[in-house]
Amino acid sequence: RVKRFERREESARLVNDFILCLEEMRGSEKGSPTWECARSDARDRLVDLCDLVDVPAEQVIGLDV
Protein backbone atom coordinates (compact mmCIF):
# COMPACT_ATOMS: atom_id res chain seq x y z
CA ARG A 1 0.00 0.00 0.00
CA VAL A 2 2.82 2.39 0.86
CA LYS A 3 4.59 1.47 -2.38
CA ARG A 4 1.46 2.30 -4.39
CA PHE A 5 1.15 5.67 -2.63
CA GLU A 6 4.83 6.45 -3.31
CA ARG A 7 4.42 5.51 -6.96
CA ARG A 8 1.34 7.72 -7.26
CA GLU A 9 3.17 10.64 -5.64
CA GLU A 10 6.20 10.19 -7.89
CA SER A 11 4.06 9.90 -11.01
CA ALA A 12 2.17 13.08 -10.07
CA ARG A 13 5.46 14.92 -9.60
CA LEU A 14 6.78 13.71 -12.95
CA VAL A 15 3.58 14.69 -14.75
CA ASN A 16 3.68 18.16 -13.18
CA ASP A 17 7.34 18.56 -14.15
CA PHE A 18 6.54 17.41 -17.68
CA ILE A 19 3.75 19.98 -17.98
CA LEU A 20 6.04 22.73 -16.70
CA CYS A 21 8.60 21.78 -19.36
CA LEU A 22 5.93 21.96 -22.07
CA GLU A 23 4.85 25.36 -20.83
CA GLU A 24 8.46 26.55 -20.92
CA MET A 25 8.76 25.27 -24.48
CA ARG A 26 5.57 27.06 -25.45
CA GLY A 27 6.90 30.31 -23.97
CA SER A 28 10.22 30.09 -25.83
CA GLU A 29 11.22 30.37 -29.44
CA LYS A 30 11.46 26.96 -31.07
CA GLY A 31 15.07 25.91 -31.40
CA SER A 32 16.35 28.41 -28.83
CA PRO A 33 18.63 27.12 -26.05
CA THR A 34 15.79 27.50 -23.52
CA TRP A 35 13.40 25.58 -25.78
CA GLU A 36 15.94 22.81 -26.38
CA CYS A 37 16.67 22.49 -22.65
CA ALA A 38 12.96 22.33 -21.83
CA ARG A 39 12.45 19.74 -24.58
CA SER A 40 15.25 17.60 -23.20
CA ASP A 41 13.87 17.90 -19.67
CA ALA A 42 10.36 17.02 -20.90
CA ARG A 43 11.70 13.93 -22.67
CA ASP A 44 13.58 12.91 -19.51
CA ARG A 45 10.46 13.29 -17.35
CA LEU A 46 8.44 11.23 -19.82
CA VAL A 47 11.07 8.48 -19.85
CA ASP A 48 11.12 8.50 -16.04
CA LEU A 49 7.34 8.20 -15.98
CA CYS A 50 7.45 5.28 -18.40
CA ASP A 51 10.09 3.57 -16.25
CA LEU A 52 7.94 4.08 -13.17
CA VAL A 53 5.02 2.21 -14.72
CA ASP A 54 7.18 -0.38 -16.53
CA VAL A 55 6.29 0.73 -20.04
CA PRO A 56 9.08 0.94 -22.63
CA ALA A 57 9.56 4.64 -23.45
CA GLU A 58 10.02 3.78 -27.12
CA GLN A 59 6.40 2.65 -27.26
CA VAL A 60 5.24 6.02 -25.94
CA ILE A 61 7.58 8.54 -27.52
CA GLY A 62 9.13 6.61 -30.39
CA LEU A 63 12.78 6.11 -31.21
CA ASP A 64 13.26 9.41 -33.02
CA VAL A 65 12.21 11.71 -30.16
C-alpha atoms as a PDB file:
ATOM      1  CA  ARG A   1       0.000   0.000   0.000  1.00  0.00           C
ATOM      2  CA  VAL A   2       2.820   2.389   0.856  1.00  0.00           C
ATOM      3  CA  LYS A   3       4.595   1.472  -2.375  1.00  0.00           C
ATOM      4  CA  ARG A   4       1.458   2.304  -4.390  1.00  0.00           C
ATOM      5  CA  PHE A   5       1.155   5.671  -2.626  1.00  0.00           C
ATOM      6  CA  GLU A   6       4.829   6.450  -3.308  1.00  0.00           C
ATOM      7  CA  ARG A   7       4.423   5.511  -6.964  1.00  0.00           C
ATOM      8  CA  ARG A   8       1.341   7.721  -7.258  1.00  0.00           C
ATOM      9  CA  GLU A   9       3.175  10.641  -5.635  1.00  0.00           C
ATOM     10  CA  GLU A  10       6.199  10.191  -7.886  1.00  0.00           C
ATOM     11  CA  SER A  11       4.059   9.900 -11.008  1.00  0.00           C
ATOM     12  CA  ALA A  12       2.169  13.080 -10.066  1.00  0.00           C
ATOM     13  CA  ARG A  13       5.460  14.915  -9.599  1.00  0.00           C
ATOM     14  CA  LEU A  14       6.778  13.706 -12.945  1.00  0.00           C
ATOM     15  CA  VAL A  15       3.583  14.692 -14.746  1.00  0.00           C
ATOM     16  CA  ASN A  16       3.676  18.158 -13.182  1.00  0.00           C
ATOM     17  CA  ASP A  17       7.344  18.557 -14.146  1.00  0.00           C
ATOM     18  CA  PHE A  18       6.542  17.408 -17.682  1.00  0.00           C
ATOM     19  CA  ILE A  19       3.754  19.979 -17.981  1.00  0.00           C
ATOM     20  CA  LEU A  20       6.044  22.729 -16.701  1.00  0.00           C
ATOM     21  CA  CYS A  21       8.600  21.785 -19.356  1.00  0.00           C
ATOM     22  CA  LEU A  22       5.934  21.956 -22.074  1.00  0.00           C
ATOM     23  CA  GLU A  23       4.852  25.364 -20.830  1.00  0.00           C
ATOM     24  CA  GLU A  24       8.456  26.552 -20.923  1.00  0.00           C
ATOM     25  CA  MET A  25       8.764  25.266 -24.477  1.00  0.00           C
ATOM     26  CA  ARG A  26       5.568  27.063 -25.449  1.00  0.00           C
ATOM     27  CA  GLY A  27       6.898  30.310 -23.967  1.00  0.00           C
ATOM     28  CA  SER A  28      10.215  30.091 -25.831  1.00  0.00           C
ATOM     29  CA  GLU A  29      11.217  30.373 -29.439  1.00  0.00           C
ATOM     30  CA  LYS A  30      11.457  26.959 -31.066  1.00  0.00           C
ATOM     31  CA  GLY A  31      15.067  25.912 -31.403  1.00  0.00           C
ATOM     32  CA  SER A  32      16.353  28.412 -28.831  1.00  0.00           C
ATOM     33  CA  PRO A  33      18.633  27.123 -26.048  1.00  0.00           C
ATOM     34  CA  THR A  34      15.787  27.499 -23.524  1.00  0.00           C
ATOM     35  CA  TRP A  35      13.400  25.579 -25.782  1.00  0.00           C
ATOM     36  CA  GLU A  36      15.943  22.805 -26.381  1.00  0.00           C
ATOM     37  CA  CYS A  37      16.672  22.488 -22.655  1.00  0.00           C
ATOM     38  CA  ALA A  38      12.961  22.331 -21.830  1.00  0.00           C
ATOM     39  CA  ARG A  39      12.450  19.739 -24.579  1.00  0.00           C
ATOM     40  CA  SER A  40      15.254  17.605 -23.204  1.00  0.00           C
ATOM     41  CA  ASP A  41      13.865  17.897 -19.674  1.00  0.00           C
ATOM     42  CA  ALA A  42      10.361  17.022 -20.895  1.00  0.00           C
ATOM     43  CA  ARG A  43      11.704  13.932 -22.665  1.00  0.00           C
ATOM     44  CA  ASP A  44      13.583  12.910 -19.506  1.00  0.00           C
ATOM     45  CA  ARG A  45      10.456  13.294 -17.347  1.00  0.00           C
ATOM     46  CA  LEU A  46       8.435  11.227 -19.817  1.00  0.00           C
ATOM     47  CA  VAL A  47      11.074   8.481 -19.845  1.00  0.00           C
ATOM     48  CA  ASP A  48      11.124   8.501 -16.040  1.00  0.00           C
ATOM     49  CA  LEU A  49       7.343   8.195 -15.975  1.00  0.00           C
ATOM     50  CA  CYS A  50       7.452   5.276 -18.403  1.00  0.00           C
ATOM     51  CA  ASP A  51      10.088   3.571 -16.249  1.00  0.00           C
ATOM     52  CA  LEU A  52       7.939   4.080 -13.169  1.00  0.00           C
ATOM     53  CA  VAL A  53       5.015   2.210 -14.723  1.00  0.00           C
ATOM     54  CA  ASP A  54       7.179  -0.379 -16.527  1.00  0.00           C
ATOM     55  CA  VAL A  55       6.292   0.730 -20.040  1.00  0.00           C
ATOM     56  CA  PRO A  56       9.076   0.939 -22.633  1.00  0.00           C
ATOM     57  CA  ALA A  57       9.555   4.636 -23.445  1.00  0.00           C
ATOM     58  CA  GLU A  58      10.025   3.783 -27.122  1.00  0.00           C
ATOM     59  CA  GLN A  59       6.398   2.648 -27.258  1.00  0.00           C
ATOM     60  CA  VAL A  60       5.244   6.023 -25.937  1.00  0.00           C
ATOM     61  CA  ILE A  61       7.579   8.545 -27.519  1.00  0.00           C
ATOM     62  CA  GLY A  62       9.133   6.611 -30.394  1.00  0.00           C
ATOM     63  CA  LEU A  63      12.779   6.108 -31.206  1.00  0.00           C
ATOM     64  CA  ASP A  64      13.257   9.409 -33.020  1.00  0.00           C
ATOM     65  CA  VAL A  65      12.211  11.707 -30.159  1.00  0.00           C
END
